Amino acid sequence: MQYQDVAIKDKDVPLASSRVFQHLLKTYASEVNKLNSVWHEFAEDDLSFKPHPRSTTTGEIMQHELLSQRRFFAEFLGLPEVPANEVLPENRTPQAFAARMVELSRPRLNFMAKQDEDWWLAVVPFFDVERERIWILWRRILHTAHHRAQLGVYLRMLNKKVPSIYGPTADVRWEGSDPTSSVAAASRK
């Protein structure tokens, strides 16, 4: 993969207390990088864009993502987090939202790296049910991916570049990229 901007480099992802949990840290850091790439494609004027009257605006999605991450990590996973009234950036621009998201993510990575198997597998309250912390983190990552994909559609509707997230896109290609868009490509072993 070739990403234009990597906010959290591989070398900056801390080592987990056990190798079996390293994929959690790498996946979370990767999602932060993907979200950062998508948010940076928006201009300040795009924050009010919504494709339908019942849709959420670009800015509301960014705000929701920052606030809901804070809630997931504090309330459900038990991480030390900044107070909710300190989560949002002072300047409400896509770049400020992205920078704040990356800034809040780094201490989370460090905290999670220190946790052992008992912590990850502990069953804790999650809304009106109980789930293992490892399950909750995966749910958080999926929630973020959902909103990232939503904003990818917004970018396309705004006729803006959709950045490479998993591989080449209609807007981003490179030497050696190998998209799977044919039966022949899917047949490779």
Protein backbone atom coordinates (compact mmCIF):
# COMPACT_ATOMS: atom_id res chain seq x y z
CA MET A 1 0.00 0.00 0.00
CA GLN A 2 1.08 3.53 -0.68
CA TYR A 3 -0.57 6.25 1.34
CA GLN A 4 -0.03 9.92 0.63
CA ASP A 5 0.04 10.92 4.31
CA VAL A 6 0.66 8.58 7.23
CA ALA A 7 -0.11 10.22 10.58
CA ILE A 8 0.89 7.23 12.72
CA LYS A 9 3.81 5.38 11.18
CA ASP A 10 4.35 1.65 11.79
CA LYS A 11 7.41 2.43 13.90
CA ASP A 12 5.23 4.62 16.16
CA VAL A 13 2.76 1.86 16.99
CA PRO A 14 3.76 0.62 20.46
CA LEU A 15 4.38 -3.07 21.14
CA ALA A 16 1.49 -4.86 22.81
CA SER A 17 2.10 -6.68 26.08
CA SER A 18 1.45 -9.89 24.14
CA ARG A 19 2.05 -10.45 20.42
CA VAL A 20 -1.46 -11.85 20.06
CA PHE A 21 -2.85 -8.34 20.66
CA GLN A 22 -0.47 -6.47 18.34
CA HIS A 23 -2.97 -6.68 15.48
CA LEU A 24 -5.43 -4.60 17.54
CA LEU A 25 -2.96 -1.75 17.84
CA LYS A 26 -1.91 -1.95 14.19
CA THR A 27 -5.51 -2.08 13.00
CA TYR A 28 -6.55 0.88 15.16
CA ALA A 29 -3.54 2.93 13.97
CA SER A 30 -4.33 1.97 10.38
CA GLU A 31 -7.92 3.13 10.76
CA VAL A 32 -6.70 6.43 12.22
CA ASN A 33 -4.48 6.87 9.15
CA LYS A 34 -7.31 6.04 6.76
CA LEU A 35 -9.72 8.40 8.45
CA ASN A 36 -7.07 11.12 8.49
CA SER A 37 -6.57 10.69 4.72
CA VAL A 38 -10.28 10.96 4.00
CA TRP A 39 -10.85 13.99 6.25
CA HIS A 40 -7.95 15.85 4.62
CA GLU A 41 -9.68 15.66 1.22
CA PHE A 42 -12.45 17.99 2.42
CA ALA A 43 -12.32 21.78 2.33
CA GLU A 44 -13.83 23.97 5.02
CA ASP A 45 -16.73 24.81 2.69
CA ASP A 46 -17.58 21.10 2.50
CA LEU A 47 -18.42 20.82 6.21
CA SER A 48 -22.04 21.84 5.57
CA PHE A 49 -22.51 19.39 2.68
CA LYS A 50 -25.11 16.67 2.97
CA PRO A 51 -26.50 14.70 0.03
CA HIS A 52 -30.07 14.52 1.32
CA PRO A 53 -32.18 16.55 3.79
CA ARG A 54 -32.19 13.62 6.25
CA SER A 55 -28.44 13.04 5.90
CA THR A 56 -25.82 14.24 8.33
CA THR A 57 -23.42 16.97 7.21
CA THR A 58 -19.73 16.31 6.71
CA GLY A 59 -18.93 18.43 9.77
CA GLU A 60 -21.51 16.64 11.91
CA ILE A 61 -20.00 13.28 10.96
CA MET A 62 -16.51 14.46 11.93
CA GLN A 63 -17.79 15.86 15.22
CA HIS A 64 -19.74 12.65 15.92
CA GLU A 65 -16.67 10.53 15.20
CA LEU A 66 -14.51 12.44 17.68
CA LEU A 67 -17.17 12.43 20.40
CA SER A 68 -18.23 8.82 19.92
CA GLN A 69 -14.61 7.64 20.00
CA ARG A 70 -14.18 9.45 23.29
CA ARG A 71 -17.29 7.76 24.67
CA PHE A 72 -16.32 4.27 23.45
CA PHE A 73 -12.81 4.49 24.87
CA ALA A 74 -13.80 6.11 28.19
CA GLU A 75 -17.16 4.57 29.06
CA PHE A 76 -16.93 1.14 27.47
CA LEU A 77 -13.21 0.34 27.40
CA GLY A 78 -12.22 2.26 30.52
CA LEU A 79 -9.36 4.29 29.05
CA PRO A 80 -8.33 7.62 30.54
CA GLU A 81 -9.71 10.25 28.17
CA VAL A 82 -9.85 14.02 28.08
CA PRO A 83 -13.15 15.49 29.32
CA ALA A 84 -15.83 15.44 26.62
CA ASN A 85 -15.94 19.25 26.50
CA GLU A 86 -12.25 19.23 25.47
CA VAL A 87 -12.55 16.74 22.60
CA LEU A 88 -13.52 19.01 19.72
CA PRO A 89 -10.94 21.33 18.17
CA GLU A 90 -11.24 25.05 18.65
CA ASN A 91 -11.17 25.62 14.88
CA ARG A 92 -13.81 23.55 13.09
CA THR A 93 -11.98 22.75 9.86
CA PRO A 94 -11.42 19.31 8.34
CA GLN A 95 -7.69 19.64 9.01
CA ALA A 96 -8.29 20.61 12.66
CA PHE A 97 -10.75 17.72 13.12
CA ALA A 98 -8.19 15.33 11.61
CA ALA A 99 -5.32 16.65 13.72
CA ARG A 100 -7.40 16.34 16.89
CA MET A 101 -8.42 12.79 15.99
CA VAL A 102 -4.77 11.77 15.54
CA GLU A 103 -3.76 13.57 18.74
CA LEU A 104 -6.41 11.75 20.79
CA SER A 105 -5.50 8.39 19.25
CA ARG A 106 -1.83 8.29 20.30
CA PRO A 107 -2.41 7.98 24.08
CA ARG A 108 -5.05 5.31 23.41
CA LEU A 109 -2.51 3.22 21.55
CA ASN A 110 -0.03 3.55 24.42
CA PHE A 111 -2.63 2.61 27.02
CA MET A 112 -3.94 -0.38 25.08
CA ALA A 113 -0.40 -1.66 24.43
CA LYS A 114 0.10 -2.16 28.18
CA GLN A 115 -3.05 -4.22 28.72
CA ASP A 116 -2.88 -7.96 29.27
CA GLU A 117 -5.16 -10.81 28.24
CA ASP A 118 -7.36 -10.51 31.34
CA TRP A 119 -8.04 -6.87 30.54
CA TRP A 120 -8.85 -7.52 26.86
CA LEU A 121 -11.13 -10.47 27.62
CA ALA A 122 -12.93 -8.86 30.57
CA VAL A 123 -16.67 -8.55 30.02
CA VAL A 124 -17.84 -4.99 30.60
CA PRO A 125 -21.06 -3.01 30.02
CA PHE A 126 -21.65 -1.89 26.44
CA PHE A 127 -24.84 0.15 26.07
CA ASP A 128 -27.56 -2.27 27.28
CA VAL A 129 -25.51 -5.49 26.97
CA GLU A 130 -22.13 -6.81 28.12
CA ARG A 131 -19.23 -7.64 25.82
CA GLU A 132 -15.50 -8.37 25.99
CA ARG A 133 -13.28 -5.33 25.61
CA ILE A 134 -11.67 -6.87 22.53
CA TRP A 135 -15.12 -7.11 20.92
CA ILE A 136 -15.84 -3.48 21.84
CA LEU A 137 -12.63 -2.28 20.19
CA TRP A 138 -13.51 -4.15 17.00
CA ARG A 139 -16.99 -2.61 17.14
CA ARG A 140 -15.35 0.83 17.47
CA ILE A 141 -13.15 0.20 14.45
CA LEU A 142 -16.15 -0.95 12.40
CA HIS A 143 -18.12 2.12 13.47
CA THR A 144 -15.29 4.36 12.31
CA ALA A 145 -14.99 2.46 9.01
CA HIS A 146 -18.71 2.98 8.43
CA HIS A 147 -18.42 6.76 8.76
CA ARG A 148 -15.20 6.79 6.73
CA ALA A 149 -17.01 5.02 3.88
CA GLN A 150 -19.93 7.43 4.23
CA LEU A 151 -17.55 10.36 3.78
CA GLY A 152 -15.93 8.60 0.82
CA VAL A 153 -19.32 8.74 -0.89
CA TYR A 154 -19.60 12.41 0.04
CA LEU A 155 -16.20 13.04 -1.58
CA ARG A 156 -17.34 11.39 -4.78
CA MET A 157 -20.56 13.42 -4.78
CA LEU A 158 -18.51 16.59 -4.30
CA ASN A 159 -16.34 15.51 -7.25
CA LYS A 160 -13.28 15.32 -5.04
CA LYS A 161 -10.51 12.74 -4.95
CA VAL A 162 -11.21 9.56 -2.97
CA PRO A 163 -7.91 8.58 -1.37
CA SER A 164 -6.43 5.11 -1.45
CA ILE A 165 -7.54 3.21 1.63
CA TYR A 166 -7.06 -0.48 0.80
CA GLY A 167 -5.51 -0.20 -2.63
CA PRO A 168 -5.88 1.70 -5.87
CA THR A 169 -8.98 3.79 -6.50
CA ALA A 170 -10.39 5.49 -9.57
CA ASP A 171 -8.36 8.51 -8.44
CA VAL A 172 -5.19 6.94 -7.06
CA ARG A 173 -3.05 4.32 -8.80
CA TRP A 174 0.63 3.44 -8.72
CA GLU A 175 3.14 1.18 -10.41
CA GLY A 176 2.46 -2.39 -9.33
CA SER A 177 -1.04 -1.78 -8.00
CA ASP A 178 -3.17 -4.85 -8.66
CA PRO A 179 -6.90 -4.25 -8.15
CA THR A 180 -9.15 -7.28 -8.01
CA SER A 181 -11.85 -6.34 -10.47
CA SER A 182 -11.96 -9.43 -12.66
CA VAL A 183 -12.60 -13.14 -12.24
CA ALA A 184 -9.01 -13.77 -13.39
CA ALA A 185 -7.61 -11.57 -10.60
CA ALA A 186 -9.90 -13.17 -8.02
CA SER A 187 -8.77 -16.63 -9.18
CA ARG A 188 -5.17 -16.07 -8.09
CA LYS A 189 -3.92 -18.28 -5.28
